[in-house]
C-alpha atoms as a PDB file:
ATOM      1  CA  MET A   1      10.523 -10.716   7.113  1.00  0.00           C
ATOM      2  CA  ILE A   2       7.434  -9.549   9.210  1.00  0.00           C
ATOM      3  CA  GLU A   3       5.452 -12.347  10.913  1.00  0.00           C
ATOM      4  CA  VAL A   4       2.348 -11.466  12.956  1.00  0.00           C
ATOM      5  CA  SER A   5       0.607 -14.336  14.785  1.00  0.00           C
ATOM      6  CA  HIS A   6      -2.736 -14.092  16.502  1.00  0.00           C
ATOM      7  CA  LEU A   7      -2.167 -10.528  17.801  1.00  0.00           C
ATOM      8  CA  THR A   8      -4.638  -9.143  20.154  1.00  0.00           C
ATOM      9  CA  LYS A   9      -4.719  -5.978  22.097  1.00  0.00           C
ATOM     10  CA  LYS A  10      -7.070  -4.786  24.754  1.00  0.00           C
ATOM     11  CA  TYR A  11      -7.560  -1.625  26.337  1.00  0.00           C
ATOM     12  CA  GLY A  12      -9.831  -2.348  29.237  1.00  0.00           C
ATOM     13  CA  ASP A  13     -12.951  -3.807  27.796  1.00  0.00           C
ATOM     14  CA  LYS A  14     -12.106  -2.276  24.471  1.00  0.00           C
ATOM     15  CA  LEU A  15     -10.702  -4.720  21.736  1.00  0.00           C
ATOM     16  CA  ALA A  16      -8.391  -2.743  19.498  1.00  0.00           C
ATOM     17  CA  VAL A  17      -6.712  -5.666  17.691  1.00  0.00           C
ATOM     18  CA  ASP A  18      -8.550  -8.821  17.312  1.00  0.00           C
ATOM     19  CA  ASP A  19      -6.523 -12.059  16.561  1.00  0.00           C
ATOM     20  CA  LEU A  20      -4.616 -10.502  13.852  1.00  0.00           C
ATOM     21  CA  SER A  21      -2.342 -12.775  11.593  1.00  0.00           C
ATOM     22  CA  PHE A  22      -0.361 -11.734   8.429  1.00  0.00           C
ATOM     23  CA  THR A  23       3.226 -12.014   7.101  1.00  0.00           C
ATOM     24  CA  VAL A  24       5.167  -9.503   4.886  1.00  0.00           C
ATOM     25  CA  GLY A  25       7.902 -10.799   2.692  1.00  0.00           C
ATOM     26  CA  GLU A  26      11.180  -9.486   1.775  1.00  0.00           C
ATOM     27  CA  GLY A  27      11.074  -6.577  -0.650  1.00  0.00           C
ATOM     28  CA  GLU A  28       7.261  -6.134  -0.340  1.00  0.00           C
ATOM     29  CA  ILE A  29       5.760  -2.630  -0.100  1.00  0.00           C
ATOM     30  CA  LEU A  30       2.495  -3.282   1.876  1.00  0.00           C
ATOM     31  CA  GLY A  31      -0.172  -0.516   2.091  1.00  0.00           C
ATOM     32  CA  PHE A  32      -1.660  -0.847   5.568  1.00  0.00           C
ATOM     33  CA  LEU A  33      -5.310   0.698   5.418  1.00  0.00           C
ATOM     34  CA  GLY A  34      -8.085   1.251   7.757  1.00  0.00           C
ATOM     35  CA  PRO A  35     -10.578   3.695   8.929  1.00  0.00           C
ATOM     36  CA  ASN A  36      -9.972   5.775  12.168  1.00  0.00           C
ATOM     37  CA  GLY A  37     -10.249   3.393  15.086  1.00  0.00           C
ATOM     38  CA  ALA A  38      -9.598   0.219  12.998  1.00  0.00           C
ATOM     39  CA  GLY A  39      -6.582  -0.723  15.085  1.00  0.00           C
ATOM     40  CA  LYS A  40      -3.998   0.396  12.463  1.00  0.00           C
ATOM     41  CA  SER A  41      -1.883   2.609  14.716  1.00  0.00           C
ATOM     42  CA  THR A  42      -2.087   0.241  17.619  1.00  0.00           C
ATOM     43  CA  THR A  43      -0.831  -2.633  15.433  1.00  0.00           C
ATOM     44  CA  MET A  44       2.057  -0.516  14.126  1.00  0.00           C
ATOM     45  CA  ASN A  45       2.883   0.536  17.562  1.00  0.00           C
ATOM     46  CA  ILE A  46       3.312  -3.110  18.510  1.00  0.00           C
ATOM     47  CA  LEU A  47       5.223  -3.921  15.484  1.00  0.00           C
ATOM     48  CA  THR A  48       7.823  -1.159  16.440  1.00  0.00           C
ATOM     49  CA  GLY A  49       7.848  -2.189  20.073  1.00  0.00           C
ATOM     50  CA  TYR A  50       6.242   0.959  21.592  1.00  0.00           C
ATOM     51  CA  LEU A  51       3.334  -1.133  22.697  1.00  0.00           C
ATOM     52  CA  SER A  52       3.036  -4.499  24.259  1.00  0.00           C
ATOM     53  CA  ALA A  53       0.348  -6.941  22.924  1.00  0.00           C
ATOM     54  CA  THR A  54      -2.279  -8.570  25.211  1.00  0.00           C
ATOM     55  CA  ASP A  55      -1.699 -11.786  23.298  1.00  0.00           C
ATOM     56  CA  GLY A  56      -0.051 -13.136  20.026  1.00  0.00           C
ATOM     57  CA  ARG A  57       3.653 -12.876  18.673  1.00  0.00           C
ATOM     58  CA  VAL A  58       5.533 -10.628  16.353  1.00  0.00           C
ATOM     59  CA  LYS A  59       8.651 -11.448  14.640  1.00  0.00           C
ATOM     60  CA  ILE A  60      10.943  -8.963  12.712  1.00  0.00           C
ATOM     61  CA  GLY A  61      13.626 -10.683  10.637  1.00  0.00           C
ATOM     62  CA  GLY A  62      13.085 -13.921  12.726  1.00  0.00           C
ATOM     63  CA  VAL A  63      13.403 -11.900  16.067  1.00  0.00           C
ATOM     64  CA  ASP A  64      10.756 -12.034  18.624  1.00  0.00           C
ATOM     65  CA  VAL A  65       9.674  -8.546  19.650  1.00  0.00           C
ATOM     66  CA  LEU A  66       8.685  -9.720  23.027  1.00  0.00           C
ATOM     67  CA  ASP A  67      11.761 -11.968  23.609  1.00  0.00           C
ATOM     68  CA  ASP A  68      14.400  -9.731  22.073  1.00  0.00           C
ATOM     69  CA  PRO A  69      12.957  -6.022  21.804  1.00  0.00           C
ATOM     70  CA  SER A  70      16.321  -4.453  21.241  1.00  0.00           C
ATOM     71  CA  GLY A  71      17.187  -7.066  18.539  1.00  0.00           C
ATOM     72  CA  ALA A  72      13.719  -6.511  16.936  1.00  0.00           C
ATOM     73  CA  LYS A  73      14.068  -2.669  16.992  1.00  0.00           C
ATOM     74  CA  ARG A  74      17.460  -3.030  15.310  1.00  0.00           C
ATOM     75  CA  GLN A  75      15.841  -4.379  12.240  1.00  0.00           C
ATOM     76  CA  ILE A  76      13.156  -1.567  11.865  1.00  0.00           C
ATOM     77  CA  GLY A  77      13.471   2.070  10.595  1.00  0.00           C
ATOM     78  CA  PHE A  78      10.173   3.956  11.863  1.00  0.00           C
ATOM     79  CA  LEU A  79       8.969   7.202  10.482  1.00  0.00           C
ATOM     80  CA  PRO A  80       5.909   8.223  12.597  1.00  0.00           C
ATOM     81  CA  GLU A  81       3.198  10.649  11.360  1.00  0.00           C
ATOM     82  CA  ILE A  82       5.122  13.529  13.089  1.00  0.00           C
ATOM     83  CA  PRO A  83       8.788  12.978  12.662  1.00  0.00           C
ATOM     84  CA  PRO A  84      10.773  12.801  15.989  1.00  0.00           C
ATOM     85  CA  LEU A  85      13.028  15.761  15.257  1.00  0.00           C
ATOM     86  CA  TYR A  86      14.768  18.055  17.654  1.00  0.00           C
ATOM     87  CA  VAL A  87      14.181  21.439  15.921  1.00  0.00           C
ATOM     88  CA  ASP A  88      16.997  23.176  17.853  1.00  0.00           C
ATOM     89  CA  MET A  89      19.822  20.933  16.222  1.00  0.00           C
ATOM     90  CA  THR A  90      21.047  21.428  12.702  1.00  0.00           C
ATOM     91  CA  VAL A  91      20.402  18.404  10.310  1.00  0.00           C
ATOM     92  CA  LYS A  92      24.162  17.331  10.795  1.00  0.00           C
ATOM     93  CA  GLU A  93      23.818  17.522  14.669  1.00  0.00           C
ATOM     94  CA  TYR A  94      20.602  15.579  14.579  1.00  0.00           C
ATOM     95  CA  LEU A  95      21.780  12.653  12.280  1.00  0.00           C
ATOM     96  CA  ASP A  96      24.969  12.421  14.313  1.00  0.00           C
ATOM     97  CA  PHE A  97      22.753  12.181  17.457  1.00  0.00           C
ATOM     98  CA  VAL A  98      20.569   9.334  15.740  1.00  0.00           C
ATOM     99  CA  TYR A  99      23.754   7.630  14.726  1.00  0.00           C
ATOM    100  CA  ASP A 100      25.016   7.299  18.306  1.00  0.00           C
ATOM    101  CA  VAL A 101      21.538   6.312  19.684  1.00  0.00           C
ATOM    102  CA  LYS A 102      21.166   3.738  17.317  1.00  0.00           C
ATOM    103  CA  LYS A 103      24.644   2.302  17.844  1.00  0.00           C
ATOM    104  CA  THR A 104      25.465   2.291  14.176  1.00  0.00           C
ATOM    105  CA  THR A 105      28.231   0.246  12.996  1.00  0.00           C
ATOM    106  CA  PHE A 106      28.798   1.743   9.437  1.00  0.00           C
ATOM    107  CA  PRO A 107      31.473   4.171   8.965  1.00  0.00           C
ATOM    108  CA  ARG A 108      30.015   7.337  10.330  1.00  0.00           C
ATOM    109  CA  ARG A 109      30.499  10.206   7.630  1.00  0.00           C
ATOM    110  CA  PRO A 110      30.127   7.775   4.419  1.00  0.00           C
ATOM    111  CA  HIS A 111      27.012   6.445   5.956  1.00  0.00           C
ATOM    112  CA  ILE A 112      25.367   9.698   6.831  1.00  0.00           C
ATOM    113  CA  ARG A 113      26.476  11.126   3.483  1.00  0.00           C
ATOM    114  CA  GLU A 114      24.845   8.213   1.581  1.00  0.00           C
ATOM    115  CA  ILE A 115      21.610   8.681   3.424  1.00  0.00           C
ATOM    116  CA  CYS A 116      21.687  12.373   2.765  1.00  0.00           C
ATOM    117  CA  GLU A 117      22.120  11.823  -0.913  1.00  0.00           C
ATOM    118  CA  LEU A 118      19.334   9.235  -1.091  1.00  0.00           C
ATOM    119  CA  VAL A 119      16.792  11.417   0.630  1.00  0.00           C
ATOM    120  CA  ARG A 120      18.202  14.595  -1.002  1.00  0.00           C
ATOM    121  CA  ILE A 121      18.981  16.772   2.026  1.00  0.00           C
ATOM    122  CA  GLU A 122      22.680  17.572   1.334  1.00  0.00           C
ATOM    123  CA  ASP A 123      21.706  21.201   0.642  1.00  0.00           C
ATOM    124  CA  VAL A 124      20.261  21.638   4.120  1.00  0.00           C
ATOM    125  CA  TYR A 125      22.735  19.633   6.007  1.00  0.00           C
ATOM    126  CA  ARG A 126      23.985  22.276   8.151  1.00  0.00           C
ATOM    127  CA  ARG A 127      20.823  24.115   8.687  1.00  0.00           C
ATOM    128  CA  PRO A 128      18.805  24.243  11.992  1.00  0.00           C
ATOM    129  CA  ILE A 129      15.791  21.924  11.464  1.00  0.00           C
ATOM    130  CA  ARG A 130      13.475  24.586  12.709  1.00  0.00           C
ATOM    131  CA  ASN A 131      14.100  26.557   9.692  1.00  0.00           C
ATOM    132  CA  LEU A 132      13.332  23.713   7.201  1.00  0.00           C
ATOM    133  CA  SER A 133      10.128  23.333   5.166  1.00  0.00           C
ATOM    134  CA  LYS A 134       7.662  20.624   6.025  1.00  0.00           C
ATOM    135  CA  GLY A 135       8.890  18.636   2.945  1.00  0.00           C
ATOM    136  CA  TYR A 136      12.528  18.831   4.226  1.00  0.00           C
ATOM    137  CA  ARG A 137      11.391  17.735   7.577  1.00  0.00           C
ATOM    138  CA  GLN A 138       9.938  14.656   6.206  1.00  0.00           C
ATOM    139  CA  ARG A 139      13.015  13.835   4.485  1.00  0.00           C
ATOM    140  CA  VAL A 140      15.087  14.290   7.637  1.00  0.00           C
ATOM    141  CA  GLY A 141      12.565  11.965   9.303  1.00  0.00           C
ATOM    142  CA  LEU A 142      13.213   9.439   6.736  1.00  0.00           C
ATOM    143  CA  ALA A 143      16.952   9.929   6.945  1.00  0.00           C
ATOM    144  CA  GLN A 144      16.680   8.789  10.742  1.00  0.00           C
ATOM    145  CA  ALA A 145      14.606   5.820  10.017  1.00  0.00           C
ATOM    146  CA  LEU A 146      17.153   4.797   7.328  1.00  0.00           C
ATOM    147  CA  MET A 147      20.181   5.281   9.843  1.00  0.00           C
ATOM    148  CA  GLY A 148      21.812   1.763  10.134  1.00  0.00           C
ATOM    149  CA  ASN A 149      20.209   0.474   6.970  1.00  0.00           C
ATOM    150  CA  PRO A 150      17.404  -1.506   8.818  1.00  0.00           C
ATOM    151  CA  PRO A 151      15.884  -4.223   6.557  1.00  0.00           C
ATOM    152  CA  VAL A 152      12.343  -3.055   7.539  1.00  0.00           C
ATOM    153  CA  LEU A 153      10.684   0.344   7.099  1.00  0.00           C
ATOM    154  CA  ILE A 154       7.464   1.246   8.788  1.00  0.00           C
ATOM    155  CA  LEU A 155       6.244   4.646   7.480  1.00  0.00           C
ATOM    156  CA  ASP A 156       3.020   6.314   9.038  1.00  0.00           C
ATOM    157  CA  GLU A 157       1.457   8.946   6.663  1.00  0.00           C
ATOM    158  CA  PRO A 158       4.865   9.989   5.155  1.00  0.00           C
ATOM    159  CA  THR A 159       3.433  12.504   2.752  1.00  0.00           C
ATOM    160  CA  VAL A 160       0.917  14.260   4.956  1.00  0.00           C
ATOM    161  CA  GLY A 161       1.039  18.086   4.574  1.00  0.00           C
ATOM    162  CA  LEU A 162       3.241  17.962   1.539  1.00  0.00           C
ATOM    163  CA  ASP A 163       2.793  19.874  -1.785  1.00  0.00           C
ATOM    164  CA  PRO A 164       2.164  17.886  -4.982  1.00  0.00           C
ATOM    165  CA  ARG A 165       5.772  18.001  -5.997  1.00  0.00           C
ATOM    166  CA  GLN A 166       6.983  16.925  -2.684  1.00  0.00           C
ATOM    167  CA  ILE A 167       4.553  13.980  -2.469  1.00  0.00           C
ATOM    168  CA  ILE A 168       5.686  12.636  -6.024  1.00  0.00           C
ATOM    169  CA  GLU A 169       9.214  12.889  -4.780  1.00  0.00           C
ATOM    170  CA  ILE A 170       8.584  11.007  -1.530  1.00  0.00           C
ATOM    171  CA  ARG A 171       6.486   8.238  -3.372  1.00  0.00           C
ATOM    172  CA  ASN A 172       9.373   7.796  -5.810  1.00  0.00           C
ATOM    173  CA  LEU A 173      11.805   7.528  -3.010  1.00  0.00           C
ATOM    174  CA  ILE A 174       9.485   4.879  -1.355  1.00  0.00           C
ATOM    175  CA  LYS A 175       9.443   2.983  -4.363  1.00  0.00           C
ATOM    176  CA  LYS A 176      13.196   3.005  -4.645  1.00  0.00           C
ATOM    177  CA  LEU A 177      13.581   2.020  -1.045  1.00  0.00           C
ATOM    178  CA  GLY A 178      11.294  -1.054  -1.550  1.00  0.00           C
ATOM    179  CA  LYS A 179      13.948  -2.508  -4.023  1.00  0.00           C
ATOM    180  CA  ASN A 180      16.214  -3.121  -0.777  1.00  0.00           C
ATOM    181  CA  HIS A 181      13.782  -3.058   2.045  1.00  0.00           C
ATOM    182  CA  THR A 182      10.429  -4.447   3.315  1.00  0.00           C
ATOM    183  CA  VAL A 183       8.037  -1.368   3.669  1.00  0.00           C
ATOM    184  CA  ILE A 184       4.868  -1.077   5.507  1.00  0.00           C
ATOM    185  CA  LEU A 185       3.213   2.132   4.376  1.00  0.00           C
ATOM    186  CA  SER A 186       0.167   3.413   6.413  1.00  0.00           C
ATOM    187  CA  THR A 187      -1.717   6.273   4.685  1.00  0.00           C
ATOM    188  CA  HIS A 188      -5.231   7.531   4.154  1.00  0.00           C
ATOM    189  CA  ILE A 189      -4.191   8.698   0.508  1.00  0.00           C
ATOM    190  CA  LEU A 190      -5.662   5.636  -1.588  1.00  0.00           C
ATOM    191  CA  GLN A 191      -4.105   6.862  -4.712  1.00  0.00           C
ATOM    192  CA  GLU A 192      -0.712   6.577  -2.929  1.00  0.00           C
ATOM    193  CA  VAL A 193      -1.222   3.223  -1.958  1.00  0.00           C
ATOM    194  CA  GLN A 194      -2.269   2.289  -5.553  1.00  0.00           C
ATOM    195  CA  SER A 195       0.773   4.056  -7.055  1.00  0.00           C
ATOM    196  CA  VAL A 196       3.439   2.667  -4.647  1.00  0.00           C
ATOM    197  CA  CYS A 197       2.331  -0.576  -3.046  1.00  0.00           C
ATOM    198  CA  ASN A 198       2.250  -4.082  -4.392  1.00  0.00           C
ATOM    199  CA  ARG A 199      -0.022  -5.378  -1.836  1.00  0.00           C
ATOM    200  CA  ILE A 200      -2.795  -3.814   0.352  1.00  0.00           C
ATOM    201  CA  LEU A 201      -3.998  -5.112   3.753  1.00  0.00           C
ATOM    202  CA  ILE A 202      -7.262  -3.441   5.046  1.00  0.00           C
ATOM    203  CA  ILE A 203      -8.234  -3.856   8.760  1.00  0.00           C
ATOM    204  CA  ASN A 204     -11.563  -2.794  10.381  1.00  0.00           C
ATOM    205  CA  LYS A 205     -12.542  -3.062  14.012  1.00  0.00           C
ATOM    206  CA  GLY A 206      -9.260  -4.903  14.544  1.00  0.00           C
ATOM    207  CA  LYS A 207      -9.663  -7.553  11.965  1.00  0.00           C
ATOM    208  CA  ILE A 208      -8.408  -8.125   8.437  1.00  0.00           C
ATOM    209  CA  VAL A 209     -11.171  -7.533   5.854  1.00  0.00           C
ATOM    210  CA  ALA A 210      -9.022  -7.774   2.766  1.00  0.00           C
ATOM    211  CA  ASP A 211      -5.472  -8.800   1.619  1.00  0.00           C
ATOM    212  CA  GLY A 212      -4.328  -8.659  -1.803  1.00  0.00           C
ATOM    213  CA  ASP A 213      -3.179  -6.439  -4.660  1.00  0.00           C
ATOM    214  CA  ALA A 214      -5.499  -3.630  -5.970  1.00  0.00           C
ATOM    215  CA  GLU A 215      -6.797  -5.640  -8.754  1.00  0.00           C
ATOM    216  CA  GLN A 216      -7.639  -8.699  -6.628  1.00  0.00           C
ATOM    217  CA  LEU A 217      -9.389  -6.505  -4.022  1.00  0.00           C
ATOM    218  CA  SER A 218     -11.423  -4.883  -6.778  1.00  0.00           C
ATOM    219  CA  TYR A 219     -12.421  -8.227  -8.286  1.00  0.00           C
ATOM    220  CA  LYS A 220     -13.314  -9.508  -4.729  1.00  0.00           C
ATOM    221  CA  ALA A 221     -15.332  -6.556  -3.633  1.00  0.00           C
ATOM    222  CA  ALA A 222     -17.104  -6.126  -7.035  1.00  0.00           C
ATOM    223  CA  GLY A 223     -18.462  -9.520  -7.392  1.00  0.00           C
ATOM    224  CA  ASN A 224     -18.901 -10.034 -11.362  1.00  0.00           C
ATOM    225  CA  ARG A 225     -16.577  -8.341 -13.685  1.00  0.00           C
ATOM    226  CA  LYS A 226     -17.706  -5.770 -16.141  1.00  0.00           C
ATOM    227  CA  LEU A 227     -16.153  -4.290 -19.401  1.00  0.00           C
ATOM    228  CA  ILE A 228     -17.218  -1.903 -21.775  1.00  0.00           C
ATOM    229  CA  VAL A 229     -16.385  -3.106 -25.259  1.00  0.00           C
ATOM    230  CA  ARG A 230     -16.371  -0.945 -28.402  1.00  0.00           C
ATOM    231  CA  VAL A 231     -16.734  -3.354 -31.459  1.00  0.00           C
ATOM    232  CA  GLY A 232     -16.656  -2.450 -35.234  1.00  0.00           C
ATOM    233  CA  GLY A 233     -19.269  -3.766 -37.277  1.00  0.00           C
ATOM    234  CA  SER A 234     -22.836  -4.870 -37.092  1.00  0.00           C
ATOM    235  CA  LYS A 235     -24.651  -4.267 -33.834  1.00  0.00           C
ATOM    236  CA  VAL A 236     -26.640  -7.404 -34.030  1.00  0.00           C
ATOM    237  CA  ASP A 237     -23.887  -9.612 -35.246  1.00  0.00           C
ATOM    238  CA  ALA A 238     -21.478  -8.116 -32.499  1.00  0.00           C
ATOM    239  CA  ALA A 239     -24.042  -8.966 -29.735  1.00  0.00           C
ATOM    240  CA  LYS A 240     -24.386 -12.547 -31.049  1.00  0.00           C
ATOM    241  CA  VAL A 241     -20.593 -13.075 -30.938  1.00  0.00           C
ATOM    242  CA  LEU A 242     -20.362 -11.522 -27.615  1.00  0.00           C
ATOM    243  CA  ARG A 243     -23.076 -13.662 -26.075  1.00  0.00           C
ATOM    244  CA  SER A 244     -21.241 -16.744 -27.474  1.00  0.00           C
ATOM    245  CA  VAL A 245     -18.316 -16.210 -25.406  1.00  0.00           C
ATOM    246  CA  PRO A 246     -17.977 -18.869 -22.591  1.00  0.00           C
ATOM    247  CA  ASP A 247     -18.674 -17.378 -18.915  1.00  0.00           C
ATOM    248  CA  VAL A 248     -20.362 -14.209 -20.413  1.00  0.00           C
ATOM    249  CA  ILE A 249     -23.449 -13.824 -18.351  1.00  0.00           C
ATOM    250  CA  LEU A 250     -24.636 -10.438 -19.780  1.00  0.00           C
ATOM    251  CA  VAL A 251     -24.462  -8.419 -22.943  1.00  0.00           C
ATOM    252  CA  GLU A 252     -25.988  -5.105 -23.200  1.00  0.00           C
ATOM    253  CA  SER A 253     -25.883  -2.513 -25.990  1.00  0.00           C
ATOM    254  CA  MET A 254     -24.889   1.041 -24.949  1.00  0.00           C
ATOM    255  CA  GLY A 255     -25.354   2.811 -28.080  1.00  0.00           C
ATOM    256  CA  SER A 256     -22.859   4.233 -30.690  1.00  0.00           C
ATOM    257  CA  LYS A 257     -20.437   6.940 -29.906  1.00  0.00           C
ATOM    258  CA  GLU A 258     -18.179   6.444 -33.011  1.00  0.00           C
ATOM    259  CA  LYS A 259     -19.378   5.693 -36.450  1.00  0.00           C
ATOM    260  CA  GLY A 260     -19.614   2.165 -37.590  1.00  0.00           C
ATOM    261  CA  THR A 261     -19.156   0.973 -33.885  1.00  0.00           C
ATOM    262  CA  THR A 262     -21.320  -0.126 -30.881  1.00  0.00           C
ATOM    263  CA  ASP A 263     -20.493  -0.244 -27.170  1.00  0.00           C
ATOM    264  CA  PHE A 264     -21.468  -3.005 -25.224  1.00  0.00           C
ATOM    265  CA  LEU A 265     -21.418  -3.601 -21.309  1.00  0.00           C
ATOM    266  CA  VAL A 266     -20.270  -7.307 -21.082  1.00  0.00           C
ATOM    267  CA  GLU A 267     -20.454  -8.983 -17.624  1.00  0.00           C
ATOM    268  CA  SER A 268     -18.704 -12.190 -16.643  1.00  0.00           C
ATOM    269  CA  GLY A 269     -18.337 -14.144 -13.401  1.00  0.00           C
ATOM    270  CA  PRO A 270     -16.105 -12.830 -10.510  1.00  0.00           C
ATOM    271  CA  VAL A 271     -13.068 -15.000 -11.020  1.00  0.00           C
ATOM    272  CA  VAL A 272     -13.089 -15.090 -14.807  1.00  0.00           C
ATOM    273  CA  ASP A 273     -11.010 -13.065 -17.231  1.00  0.00           C
ATOM    274  CA  ILE A 274     -12.871 -13.104 -20.395  1.00  0.00           C
ATOM    275  CA  ARG A 275     -10.637 -10.604 -22.470  1.00  0.00           C
ATOM    276  CA  LYS A 276      -8.606 -13.237 -24.494  1.00  0.00           C
ATOM    277  CA  PRO A 277     -11.551 -15.331 -25.453  1.00  0.00           C
ATOM    278  CA  LEU A 278     -13.527 -12.218 -26.293  1.00  0.00           C
ATOM    279  CA  PHE A 279     -10.856 -10.914 -28.470  1.00  0.00           C
ATOM    280  CA  SER A 280     -10.463 -14.307 -30.217  1.00  0.00           C
ATOM    281  CA  ALA A 281     -14.161 -14.734 -30.880  1.00  0.00           C
ATOM    282  CA  LEU A 282     -14.501 -11.217 -32.472  1.00  0.00           C
ATOM    283  CA  ALA A 283     -11.373 -11.522 -34.440  1.00  0.00           C
ATOM    284  CA  ALA A 284     -12.666 -14.890 -36.015  1.00  0.00           C
ATOM    285  CA  LYS A 285     -15.496 -12.830 -37.182  1.00  0.00           C
ATOM    286  CA  ASN A 286     -13.512  -9.909 -38.505  1.00  0.00           C
ATOM    287  CA  MET A 287     -14.876  -7.547 -35.977  1.00  0.00           C
ATOM    288  CA  PRO A 288     -12.096  -5.337 -34.517  1.00  0.00           C
ATOM    289  CA  ILE A 289     -12.240  -4.262 -30.850  1.00  0.00           C
ATOM    290  CA  MET A 290     -12.026  -0.327 -31.080  1.00  0.00           C
ATOM    291  CA  GLY A 291     -11.969   0.194 -27.245  1.00  0.00           C
ATOM    292  CA  LEU A 292     -11.959  -1.847 -24.122  1.00  0.00           C
ATOM    293  CA  LYS A 293     -12.329  -0.481 -20.612  1.00  0.00           C
ATOM    294  CA  SER A 294     -12.634  -2.211 -17.239  1.00  0.00           C
ATOM    295  CA  MET A 295     -15.539  -1.330 -15.072  1.00  0.00           C
ATOM    296  CA  ASP A 296     -13.797  -2.659 -11.777  1.00  0.00           C
ATOM    297  CA  MET A 297     -14.291  -0.755  -8.614  1.00  0.00           C
ATOM    298  CA  SER A 298     -11.713   1.754  -7.760  1.00  0.00           C
ATOM    299  CA  LEU A 299      -9.749   1.332  -4.541  1.00  0.00           C
ATOM    300  CA  GLU A 300     -11.644   3.949  -2.953  1.00  0.00           C
ATOM    301  CA  ASP A 301     -14.904   2.306  -3.870  1.00  0.00           C
ATOM    302  CA  VAL A 302     -13.269  -0.956  -2.482  1.00  0.00           C
ATOM    303  CA  PHE A 303     -12.345   0.556   0.742  1.00  0.00           C
ATOM    304  CA  ILE A 304     -15.575   2.080   1.320  1.00  0.00           C
ATOM    305  CA  LYS A 305     -17.441  -0.964   0.781  1.00  0.00           C
ATOM    306  CA  LEU A 306     -15.461  -3.127   2.935  1.00  0.00           C
ATOM    307  CA  VAL A 307     -15.267  -0.879   5.876  1.00  0.00           C
ATOM    308  CA  THR A 308     -18.881   0.194   5.750  1.00  0.00           C
ATOM    309  CA  GLU A 309     -20.071  -3.357   5.528  1.00  0.00           C
ATOM    310  CA  GLY A 310     -17.528  -4.510   8.179  1.00  0.00           C
ATOM    311  CA  GLY A 311     -16.573  -6.863   5.462  1.00  0.00           C
ATOM    312  CA  GLN A 312     -15.698 -10.384   6.868  1.00  0.00           C
ATOM    313  CA  GLY A 313     -13.423 -10.893   3.723  1.00  0.00           C
ATOM    314  CA  GLY A 314     -10.022 -12.224   4.396  1.00  0.00           C
ATOM    315  CA  GLN A 315      -7.383 -12.735   1.798  1.00  0.00           C
ATOM    316  CA  ALA A 316      -8.096 -12.230  -1.804  1.00  0.00           C
ATOM    317  CA  GLU A 317      -7.488 -15.605  -3.914  1.00  0.00           C
END
């Protein structure tokens, strides 16, 4: 649905986006991350046609942004960090205005009613936008992005400034929208990315440093994989069994926190999942697993590691 090929953007001598290439498939919710100055906003502005690229190509739904900007823009609903609202209008007046500006072809009243029900703004439909709370303004911004039912939604910090309940509501709405749209979500709230997105792309200094789901990025950044395993039975016998499992490279006792059990730190190679052979080996010796916890890096740890090191990662396998 979105194809970015060798995208480059220069501001004078400054290289903001450096030979960026990636695709986003239909129905994907992509979390687009990067520190301040990484080139994230520049990339999003090129995707939406607000900026031209120095080099490279962008296609939205097969339409080239450079060759047919109007055709490409019709494929996109964009919610910038500050929603583009006219606060002197009522919600009704504003949505009618957006309907006309976008030259929407769906029947006016049913289409606007459907959008209002989806983003839950029916109860403020006739109120002036200036009198709305931050949460409702954000919803009205989402409504304008949805006008015309574009296949691609690009959302920049959609929950900034909202209270916890509003954040949860917007996140649930984005998940719902992801069933019928391709979504690019840019945010600094990593928990939001983890809970909403099925793929994460991190850029730093204009280059991709990681691309994959949260689990893949964690494995990639952490190197060896670590588990905390609580085993019932003899500490010595349990250690022997754990060390006999193929691909286990370290077994270290962490003491007993529950009567009749021992906690072990078990480490394996970076691309190996040892949970099934671990279970089988212990079950064969009648040693129950009483607890199993992953020690993989959090998304926050991964993000900090990659952007601090200026990681030259690339795509996760």
